[in-house]
Amino acid sequence: MRTYVVTGSASGIGAATAELLRERGHKVIGVDLRNTEVNADLSTAAGRETAVADTLAAGGGRIDAIIAAAGVSAPKAFTVSVNFFGVTSFLEGLLPALAASAAPRVAVVSSMASLQANSETLVEAMLAGDEAEALRLGAELESRGELEGYMNYSSSKRAISRWVRRECITAPWAGAGIPLNAVAPGTVITNMTRELLATEAGRKLADDNVPMPLNYHSEAVVIARQLAWLTSEENTHVTGQTIYIDGGADATLRGDDIWSS
């Protein structure tokens, strides 16, 4: 039995992942705003500190794997606090305990949106660890309306995928034997998307942006299975990757040559 920490465990992909891991006999410490083992707000520095402390207490100081699934999809500046800083700060806070495991693993949930239009300056502010500047830039985007405000979301997912790739080979991660990866779902059927997908116009909007020729929209458990493998003892060498679980959307949108400079 391994001890897993799953953020965003009260709903969506996080809930499906926590359920799958428990079915497989693992201990799961869920982290979310409410209705789970650790109730904390990852959008604030104080909330992240609480989450780290309470998670360590719940695990008795032992953590084998972390799956960071908490996130929001909103055209608002606070999105960057949840989706980027709420992930990176939480992981860094638990890194010493994680490194003590015999088989430590981490996976985070990025998105197909990481390939969509984003703000380069906002991405760079996040990667520089400057939350105040990121929030300022995010507020500017938010003030310009929903279309530009949505770049808070796509930028946060681009930044987290880049952070994973940058950090995975460093001493605190690779040096401690920790594979660090991300997954990027296509359109997943959750409470967040059901209303959109309930109408023909909504489905068209989703499918125009994320075309999925293989098996169409996925259930959350599909993503959970990939997250479970990435954070299992079986994964010893996959690291730094953003794995697109998207029914072929990435291949459709970017074509067959993503290596040309």
C-alpha atoms as a PDB file:
ATOM      1  CA  MET A   1       0.000   0.000   0.000  1.00  0.00           C
ATOM      2  CA  ARG A   2       1.254   3.437  -0.959  1.00  0.00           C
ATOM      3  CA  THR A   3       0.254   6.789   0.508  1.00  0.00           C
ATOM      4  CA  TYR A   4      -1.069   9.186  -2.120  1.00  0.00           C
ATOM      5  CA  VAL A   5      -1.931  12.856  -1.861  1.00  0.00           C
ATOM      6  CA  VAL A   6      -4.567  13.977  -4.375  1.00  0.00           C
ATOM      7  CA  THR A   7      -5.502  17.640  -4.665  1.00  0.00           C
ATOM      8  CA  GLY A   8      -8.874  18.561  -6.114  1.00  0.00           C
ATOM      9  CA  SER A   9     -10.146  15.256  -4.721  1.00  0.00           C
ATOM     10  CA  ALA A  10     -13.728  16.409  -4.112  1.00  0.00           C
ATOM     11  CA  SER A  11     -14.746  16.513  -7.764  1.00  0.00           C
ATOM     12  CA  GLY A  12     -13.864  15.773 -11.371  1.00  0.00           C
ATOM     13  CA  ILE A  13     -10.560  14.156 -12.269  1.00  0.00           C
ATOM     14  CA  GLY A  14      -9.310  14.429  -8.699  1.00  0.00           C
ATOM     15  CA  ALA A  15     -12.307  12.561  -7.313  1.00  0.00           C
ATOM     16  CA  ALA A  16     -12.044   9.857  -9.964  1.00  0.00           C
ATOM     17  CA  THR A  17      -8.342   9.451  -9.215  1.00  0.00           C
ATOM     18  CA  ALA A  18      -8.840   9.238  -5.451  1.00  0.00           C
ATOM     19  CA  GLU A  19     -11.571   6.629  -5.937  1.00  0.00           C
ATOM     20  CA  LEU A  20      -9.433   4.542  -8.293  1.00  0.00           C
ATOM     21  CA  LEU A  21      -6.447   4.571  -5.945  1.00  0.00           C
ATOM     22  CA  ARG A  22      -8.585   3.564  -2.967  1.00  0.00           C
ATOM     23  CA  GLU A  23     -10.090   0.717  -5.007  1.00  0.00           C
ATOM     24  CA  ARG A  24      -6.537  -0.479  -5.632  1.00  0.00           C
ATOM     25  CA  GLY A  25      -5.844  -0.579  -1.908  1.00  0.00           C
ATOM     26  CA  HIS A  26      -3.836   2.614  -1.417  1.00  0.00           C
ATOM     27  CA  LYS A  27      -4.201   5.227   1.287  1.00  0.00           C
ATOM     28  CA  VAL A  28      -5.386   8.546  -0.144  1.00  0.00           C
ATOM     29  CA  ILE A  29      -5.159  11.948   1.527  1.00  0.00           C
ATOM     30  CA  GLY A  30      -7.521  14.192  -0.357  1.00  0.00           C
ATOM     31  CA  VAL A  31      -7.003  17.951  -0.455  1.00  0.00           C
ATOM     32  CA  ASP A  32      -9.767  20.341  -1.486  1.00  0.00           C
ATOM     33  CA  LEU A  33     -11.774  23.294  -0.268  1.00  0.00           C
ATOM     34  CA  ARG A  34     -14.189  21.053   1.631  1.00  0.00           C
ATOM     35  CA  ASN A  35     -15.484  17.502   2.112  1.00  0.00           C
ATOM     36  CA  THR A  36     -12.136  15.732   2.164  1.00  0.00           C
ATOM     37  CA  GLU A  37      -9.282  14.748   4.491  1.00  0.00           C
ATOM     38  CA  VAL A  38      -7.494  18.104   4.233  1.00  0.00           C
ATOM     39  CA  ASN A  39      -9.644  21.190   3.706  1.00  0.00           C
ATOM     40  CA  ALA A  40      -7.560  24.105   2.452  1.00  0.00           C
ATOM     41  CA  ASP A  41      -7.551  26.889  -0.140  1.00  0.00           C
ATOM     42  CA  LEU A  42      -4.616  26.470  -2.522  1.00  0.00           C
ATOM     43  CA  SER A  43      -5.242  29.883  -4.097  1.00  0.00           C
ATOM     44  CA  THR A  44      -3.546  31.678  -1.177  1.00  0.00           C
ATOM     45  CA  ALA A  45      -0.119  31.439   0.438  1.00  0.00           C
ATOM     46  CA  ALA A  46      -1.693  30.889   3.860  1.00  0.00           C
ATOM     47  CA  GLY A  47      -3.960  28.182   2.476  1.00  0.00           C
ATOM     48  CA  ARG A  48      -1.013  26.381   0.899  1.00  0.00           C
ATOM     49  CA  GLU A  49       0.902  26.439   4.195  1.00  0.00           C
ATOM     50  CA  THR A  50      -2.129  24.968   5.948  1.00  0.00           C
ATOM     51  CA  ALA A  51      -2.501  22.333   3.260  1.00  0.00           C
ATOM     52  CA  VAL A  52       1.135  21.263   3.561  1.00  0.00           C
ATOM     53  CA  ALA A  53       1.053  21.083   7.359  1.00  0.00           C
ATOM     54  CA  ASP A  54      -2.253  19.218   7.507  1.00  0.00           C
ATOM     55  CA  THR A  55      -1.228  16.814   4.751  1.00  0.00           C
ATOM     56  CA  LEU A  56       1.980  15.924   6.555  1.00  0.00           C
ATOM     57  CA  ALA A  57       0.002  15.352   9.745  1.00  0.00           C
ATOM     58  CA  ALA A  58      -2.557  13.176   7.959  1.00  0.00           C
ATOM     59  CA  GLY A  59       0.178  11.066   6.426  1.00  0.00           C
ATOM     60  CA  GLY A  60       2.221  10.740   9.573  1.00  0.00           C
ATOM     61  CA  GLY A  61       5.093  12.324   7.669  1.00  0.00           C
ATOM     62  CA  ARG A  62       4.961   9.633   4.982  1.00  0.00           C
ATOM     63  CA  ILE A  63       4.082  10.419   1.370  1.00  0.00           C
ATOM     64  CA  ASP A  64       4.807   8.175  -1.593  1.00  0.00           C
ATOM     65  CA  ALA A  65       3.134  10.095  -4.400  1.00  0.00           C
ATOM     66  CA  ILE A  66       1.329  13.348  -5.135  1.00  0.00           C
ATOM     67  CA  ILE A  67      -1.247  13.911  -7.851  1.00  0.00           C
ATOM     68  CA  ALA A  68      -2.055  17.604  -8.236  1.00  0.00           C
ATOM     69  CA  ALA A  69      -5.450  17.750  -9.931  1.00  0.00           C
ATOM     70  CA  ALA A  70      -6.873  20.876  -8.307  1.00  0.00           C
ATOM     71  CA  GLY A  71      -7.575  23.642 -10.776  1.00  0.00           C
ATOM     72  CA  VAL A  72     -10.088  26.137 -12.075  1.00  0.00           C
ATOM     73  CA  SER A  73     -11.055  27.158 -15.594  1.00  0.00           C
ATOM     74  CA  ALA A  74     -12.068  30.782 -15.378  1.00  0.00           C
ATOM     75  CA  PRO A  75     -11.254  33.987 -17.281  1.00  0.00           C
ATOM     76  CA  LYS A  76     -10.058  35.536 -14.036  1.00  0.00           C
ATOM     77  CA  ALA A  77      -6.680  36.394 -12.543  1.00  0.00           C
ATOM     78  CA  PHE A  78      -7.001  34.122  -9.502  1.00  0.00           C
ATOM     79  CA  THR A  79      -6.813  31.188 -11.923  1.00  0.00           C
ATOM     80  CA  VAL A  80      -3.024  31.565 -12.001  1.00  0.00           C
ATOM     81  CA  SER A  81      -2.856  31.375  -8.210  1.00  0.00           C
ATOM     82  CA  VAL A  82      -4.717  28.073  -8.143  1.00  0.00           C
ATOM     83  CA  ASN A  83      -3.407  26.400 -11.289  1.00  0.00           C
ATOM     84  CA  PHE A  84       0.246  27.355 -11.036  1.00  0.00           C
ATOM     85  CA  PHE A  85       1.257  28.601  -7.584  1.00  0.00           C
ATOM     86  CA  GLY A  86      -1.233  26.330  -5.849  1.00  0.00           C
ATOM     87  CA  VAL A  87       0.524  23.407  -7.521  1.00  0.00           C
ATOM     88  CA  THR A  88       4.178  24.409  -7.353  1.00  0.00           C
ATOM     89  CA  SER A  89       4.154  25.787  -3.803  1.00  0.00           C
ATOM     90  CA  PHE A  90       2.279  22.761  -2.488  1.00  0.00           C
ATOM     91  CA  LEU A  91       4.644  20.317  -4.181  1.00  0.00           C
ATOM     92  CA  GLU A  92       7.723  22.153  -2.970  1.00  0.00           C
ATOM     93  CA  GLY A  93       6.365  22.181   0.573  1.00  0.00           C
ATOM     94  CA  LEU A  94       5.933  18.407   0.545  1.00  0.00           C
ATOM     95  CA  LEU A  95       9.144  17.643  -1.332  1.00  0.00           C
ATOM     96  CA  PRO A  96      11.263  16.698   1.729  1.00  0.00           C
ATOM     97  CA  ALA A  97       8.691  14.154   2.913  1.00  0.00           C
ATOM     98  CA  LEU A  98       8.201  12.845  -0.606  1.00  0.00           C
ATOM     99  CA  ALA A  99      11.938  12.418  -1.164  1.00  0.00           C
ATOM    100  CA  ALA A 100      12.076  10.098   1.856  1.00  0.00           C
ATOM    101  CA  SER A 101       9.851   7.550   0.082  1.00  0.00           C
ATOM    102  CA  ALA A 102      11.393   4.463  -1.484  1.00  0.00           C
ATOM    103  CA  ALA A 103       9.534   5.190  -4.725  1.00  0.00           C
ATOM    104  CA  PRO A 104       8.444   8.843  -4.844  1.00  0.00           C
ATOM    105  CA  ARG A 105       6.349  10.037  -7.783  1.00  0.00           C
ATOM    106  CA  VAL A 106       4.498  13.204  -8.841  1.00  0.00           C
ATOM    107  CA  ALA A 107       2.010  13.971 -11.602  1.00  0.00           C
ATOM    108  CA  VAL A 108       0.076  17.167 -12.220  1.00  0.00           C
ATOM    109  CA  VAL A 109      -2.933  17.923 -14.381  1.00  0.00           C
ATOM    110  CA  SER A 110      -2.191  20.345 -17.188  1.00  0.00           C
ATOM    111  CA  SER A 111      -4.552  20.702 -20.165  1.00  0.00           C
ATOM    112  CA  MET A 112      -4.925  20.791 -23.931  1.00  0.00           C
ATOM    113  CA  ALA A 113      -5.230  24.535 -23.255  1.00  0.00           C
ATOM    114  CA  SER A 114      -1.452  24.553 -22.815  1.00  0.00           C
ATOM    115  CA  LEU A 115      -1.341  24.568 -26.632  1.00  0.00           C
ATOM    116  CA  GLN A 116      -3.813  27.420 -27.024  1.00  0.00           C
ATOM    117  CA  ALA A 117      -3.227  31.181 -27.176  1.00  0.00           C
ATOM    118  CA  ASN A 118      -1.518  32.450 -24.060  1.00  0.00           C
ATOM    119  CA  SER A 119       0.333  35.440 -22.635  1.00  0.00           C
ATOM    120  CA  GLU A 120       4.105  34.993 -22.818  1.00  0.00           C
ATOM    121  CA  THR A 121       4.710  37.677 -20.203  1.00  0.00           C
ATOM    122  CA  LEU A 122       2.245  36.045 -17.829  1.00  0.00           C
ATOM    123  CA  VAL A 123       3.839  32.638 -18.347  1.00  0.00           C
ATOM    124  CA  GLU A 124       7.280  34.088 -17.643  1.00  0.00           C
ATOM    125  CA  ALA A 125       6.048  35.805 -14.456  1.00  0.00           C
ATOM    126  CA  MET A 126       4.728  32.480 -13.178  1.00  0.00           C
ATOM    127  CA  LEU A 127       7.942  30.653 -14.042  1.00  0.00           C
ATOM    128  CA  ALA A 128       9.896  33.390 -12.241  1.00  0.00           C
ATOM    129  CA  GLY A 129       7.841  32.683  -9.115  1.00  0.00           C
ATOM    130  CA  ASP A 130       6.444  36.230  -9.021  1.00  0.00           C
ATOM    131  CA  GLU A 131       2.835  35.722  -7.972  1.00  0.00           C
ATOM    132  CA  ALA A 132       2.141  39.426  -7.419  1.00  0.00           C
ATOM    133  CA  GLU A 133       3.241  40.280 -10.951  1.00  0.00           C
ATOM    134  CA  ALA A 134       1.370  37.319 -12.386  1.00  0.00           C
ATOM    135  CA  LEU A 135      -1.816  38.461 -10.674  1.00  0.00           C
ATOM    136  CA  ARG A 136      -1.299  42.001 -11.974  1.00  0.00           C
ATOM    137  CA  LEU A 137      -0.878  40.752 -15.524  1.00  0.00           C
ATOM    138  CA  GLY A 138      -3.797  38.379 -15.098  1.00  0.00           C
ATOM    139  CA  ALA A 139      -6.022  41.212 -13.897  1.00  0.00           C
ATOM    140  CA  GLU A 140      -5.148  43.188 -17.027  1.00  0.00           C
ATOM    141  CA  LEU A 141      -6.254  40.274 -19.192  1.00  0.00           C
ATOM    142  CA  GLU A 142      -9.407  39.846 -17.119  1.00  0.00           C
ATOM    143  CA  SER A 143     -10.296  43.517 -17.578  1.00  0.00           C
ATOM    144  CA  ARG A 144     -10.292  43.112 -21.374  1.00  0.00           C
ATOM    145  CA  GLY A 145     -13.179  40.675 -21.409  1.00  0.00           C
ATOM    146  CA  GLU A 146     -13.771  36.953 -21.345  1.00  0.00           C
ATOM    147  CA  LEU A 147     -11.801  36.053 -24.477  1.00  0.00           C
ATOM    148  CA  GLU A 148      -8.525  37.591 -23.268  1.00  0.00           C
ATOM    149  CA  GLY A 149      -9.346  36.742 -19.680  1.00  0.00           C
ATOM    150  CA  TYR A 150      -9.353  33.068 -20.642  1.00  0.00           C
ATOM    151  CA  MET A 151      -5.630  33.383 -21.322  1.00  0.00           C
ATOM    152  CA  ASN A 152      -5.217  33.258 -17.545  1.00  0.00           C
ATOM    153  CA  TYR A 153      -6.220  29.616 -17.859  1.00  0.00           C
ATOM    154  CA  SER A 154      -4.248  28.685 -20.961  1.00  0.00           C
ATOM    155  CA  SER A 155      -1.188  30.559 -19.657  1.00  0.00           C
ATOM    156  CA  SER A 156      -1.372  28.783 -16.298  1.00  0.00           C
ATOM    157  CA  LYS A 157      -1.434  25.410 -18.036  1.00  0.00           C
ATOM    158  CA  ARG A 158       1.408  26.342 -20.407  1.00  0.00           C
ATOM    159  CA  ALA A 159       3.419  27.482 -17.385  1.00  0.00           C
ATOM    160  CA  ILE A 160       2.811  24.332 -15.355  1.00  0.00           C
ATOM    161  CA  SER A 161       3.835  22.102 -18.265  1.00  0.00           C
ATOM    162  CA  ARG A 162       6.999  24.159 -18.728  1.00  0.00           C
ATOM    163  CA  TRP A 163       7.690  24.065 -14.974  1.00  0.00           C
ATOM    164  CA  VAL A 164       7.431  20.276 -14.987  1.00  0.00           C
ATOM    165  CA  ARG A 165       9.888  20.028 -17.878  1.00  0.00           C
ATOM    166  CA  ARG A 166      12.306  22.487 -16.282  1.00  0.00           C
ATOM    167  CA  GLU A 167      12.240  21.043 -12.774  1.00  0.00           C
ATOM    168  CA  CYS A 168      12.188  17.325 -13.576  1.00  0.00           C
ATOM    169  CA  ILE A 169      15.938  17.143 -14.254  1.00  0.00           C
ATOM    170  CA  THR A 170      17.084  19.189 -11.256  1.00  0.00           C
ATOM    171  CA  ALA A 171      18.729  17.796  -8.139  1.00  0.00           C
ATOM    172  CA  PRO A 172      15.662  18.137  -5.864  1.00  0.00           C
ATOM    173  CA  TRP A 173      13.617  16.026  -8.275  1.00  0.00           C
ATOM    174  CA  ALA A 174      15.776  13.779 -10.466  1.00  0.00           C
ATOM    175  CA  GLY A 175      18.468  13.706  -7.811  1.00  0.00           C
ATOM    176  CA  ALA A 176      15.920  12.365  -5.336  1.00  0.00           C
ATOM    177  CA  GLY A 177      14.671   9.768  -7.819  1.00  0.00           C
ATOM    178  CA  ILE A 178      11.299  11.462  -8.382  1.00  0.00           C
ATOM    179  CA  PRO A 179       9.663  11.225 -11.814  1.00  0.00           C
ATOM    180  CA  LEU A 180       7.735  14.474 -12.368  1.00  0.00           C
ATOM    181  CA  ASN A 181       5.159  14.550 -15.157  1.00  0.00           C
ATOM    182  CA  ALA A 182       1.957  16.180 -16.343  1.00  0.00           C
ATOM    183  CA  VAL A 183      -1.104  14.985 -18.193  1.00  0.00           C
ATOM    184  CA  ALA A 184      -3.104  17.141 -20.597  1.00  0.00           C
ATOM    185  CA  PRO A 185      -6.690  15.955 -20.964  1.00  0.00           C
ATOM    186  CA  GLY A 186      -8.874  16.748 -23.925  1.00  0.00           C
ATOM    187  CA  THR A 187     -12.587  17.238 -23.263  1.00  0.00           C
ATOM    188  CA  VAL A 188     -13.511  15.311 -20.124  1.00  0.00           C
ATOM    189  CA  ILE A 189     -17.073  14.720 -18.991  1.00  0.00           C
ATOM    190  CA  THR A 190     -17.267  16.220 -15.500  1.00  0.00           C
ATOM    191  CA  ASN A 191     -19.594  18.530 -13.598  1.00  0.00           C
ATOM    192  CA  MET A 192     -17.509  21.400 -15.003  1.00  0.00           C
ATOM    193  CA  THR A 193     -18.268  20.484 -18.620  1.00  0.00           C
ATOM    194  CA  ARG A 194     -21.679  18.780 -18.540  1.00  0.00           C
ATOM    195  CA  GLU A 195     -23.626  22.003 -18.996  1.00  0.00           C
ATOM    196  CA  LEU A 196     -21.495  23.021 -21.977  1.00  0.00           C
ATOM    197  CA  LEU A 197     -21.738  19.587 -23.582  1.00  0.00           C
ATOM    198  CA  ALA A 198     -25.497  19.363 -23.062  1.00  0.00           C
ATOM    199  CA  THR A 199     -26.213  21.608 -26.053  1.00  0.00           C
ATOM    200  CA  GLU A 200     -25.341  21.238 -29.715  1.00  0.00           C
ATOM    201  CA  ALA A 201     -23.736  24.692 -29.729  1.00  0.00           C
ATOM    202  CA  GLY A 202     -21.677  23.853 -26.659  1.00  0.00           C
ATOM    203  CA  ARG A 203     -20.459  20.578 -28.121  1.00  0.00           C
ATOM    204  CA  LYS A 204     -19.510  22.331 -31.350  1.00  0.00           C
ATOM    205  CA  LEU A 205     -17.519  24.926 -29.409  1.00  0.00           C
ATOM    206  CA  ALA A 206     -15.688  22.204 -27.497  1.00  0.00           C
ATOM    207  CA  ASP A 207     -15.050  20.096 -30.575  1.00  0.00           C
ATOM    208  CA  ASP A 208     -13.833  22.993 -32.705  1.00  0.00           C
ATOM    209  CA  ASN A 209     -11.197  23.754 -30.091  1.00  0.00           C
ATOM    210  CA  VAL A 210     -10.408  20.172 -29.061  1.00  0.00           C
ATOM    211  CA  PRO A 211     -11.229  17.752 -31.902  1.00  0.00           C
ATOM    212  CA  MET A 212     -11.121  14.153 -30.621  1.00  0.00           C
ATOM    213  CA  PRO A 213     -11.338  11.606 -33.474  1.00  0.00           C
ATOM    214  CA  LEU A 214     -10.487   8.641 -31.204  1.00  0.00           C
ATOM    215  CA  ASN A 215     -13.385   7.656 -28.916  1.00  0.00           C
ATOM    216  CA  TYR A 216     -14.600  11.277 -28.552  1.00  0.00           C
ATOM    217  CA  HIS A 217     -15.002  12.835 -25.071  1.00  0.00           C
ATOM    218  CA  SER A 218     -13.564  10.878 -22.157  1.00  0.00           C
ATOM    219  CA  GLU A 219     -14.736  10.019 -18.674  1.00  0.00           C
ATOM    220  CA  ALA A 220     -12.615  11.274 -15.774  1.00  0.00           C
ATOM    221  CA  VAL A 221     -11.460   7.742 -14.904  1.00  0.00           C
ATOM    222  CA  VAL A 222      -9.543   7.614 -18.205  1.00  0.00           C
ATOM    223  CA  ILE A 223      -7.304  10.400 -16.934  1.00  0.00           C
ATOM    224  CA  ALA A 224      -7.148   8.815 -13.490  1.00  0.00           C
ATOM    225  CA  ARG A 225      -5.703   5.595 -14.906  1.00  0.00           C
ATOM    226  CA  GLN A 226      -2.842   7.451 -16.571  1.00  0.00           C
ATOM    227  CA  LEU A 227      -2.151   9.454 -13.415  1.00  0.00           C
ATOM    228  CA  ALA A 228      -2.114   6.233 -11.400  1.00  0.00           C
ATOM    229  CA  TRP A 229       0.483   4.651 -13.678  1.00  0.00           C
ATOM    230  CA  LEU A 230       2.713   7.726 -13.786  1.00  0.00           C
ATOM    231  CA  THR A 231       2.809   7.754  -9.976  1.00  0.00           C
ATOM    232  CA  SER A 232       3.198   3.997  -9.558  1.00  0.00           C
ATOM    233  CA  GLU A 233       6.394   2.155  -8.732  1.00  0.00           C
ATOM    234  CA  GLU A 234       6.387   0.862 -12.327  1.00  0.00           C
ATOM    235  CA  ASN A 235       7.305   4.297 -13.682  1.00  0.00           C
ATOM    236  CA  THR A 236      11.021   4.710 -13.175  1.00  0.00           C
ATOM    237  CA  HIS A 237      12.118   6.709 -16.227  1.00  0.00           C
ATOM    238  CA  VAL A 238       9.243   8.709 -17.691  1.00  0.00           C
ATOM    239  CA  THR A 239       9.788  12.288 -16.540  1.00  0.00           C
ATOM    240  CA  GLY A 240       9.322  15.846 -17.749  1.00  0.00           C
ATOM    241  CA  GLN A 241       6.499  14.862 -20.070  1.00  0.00           C
ATOM    242  CA  THR A 242       3.122  16.394 -20.712  1.00  0.00           C
ATOM    243  CA  ILE A 243       1.110  13.421 -21.921  1.00  0.00           C
ATOM    244  CA  TYR A 244      -1.877  14.417 -24.030  1.00  0.00           C
ATOM    245  CA  ILE A 245      -4.847  12.195 -23.192  1.00  0.00           C
ATOM    246  CA  ASP A 246      -6.932  13.787 -25.871  1.00  0.00           C
ATOM    247  CA  GLY A 247      -8.364  11.315 -28.353  1.00  0.00           C
ATOM    248  CA  GLY A 248      -5.997  12.635 -31.021  1.00  0.00           C
ATOM    249  CA  ALA A 249      -6.623  16.366 -30.557  1.00  0.00           C
ATOM    250  CA  ASP A 250      -2.940  17.268 -30.358  1.00  0.00           C
ATOM    251  CA  ALA A 251      -2.139  15.258 -33.494  1.00  0.00           C
ATOM    252  CA  THR A 252      -5.103  16.838 -35.277  1.00  0.00           C
ATOM    253  CA  LEU A 253      -4.206  20.399 -34.332  1.00  0.00           C
ATOM    254  CA  ARG A 254      -0.404  20.286 -34.611  1.00  0.00           C
ATOM    255  CA  GLY A 255       0.077  17.703 -37.338  1.00  0.00           C
ATOM    256  CA  ASP A 256       2.794  15.105 -37.735  1.00  0.00           C
ATOM    257  CA  ASP A 257       5.924  17.251 -37.279  1.00  0.00           C
ATOM    258  CA  ILE A 258       6.309  18.949 -33.923  1.00  0.00           C
ATOM    259  CA  TRP A 259      10.108  18.726 -33.963  1.00  0.00           C
ATOM    260  CA  SER A 260      11.014  21.264 -36.622  1.00  0.00           C
ATOM    261  CA  SER A 261      12.588  24.471 -35.320  1.00  0.00           C
END
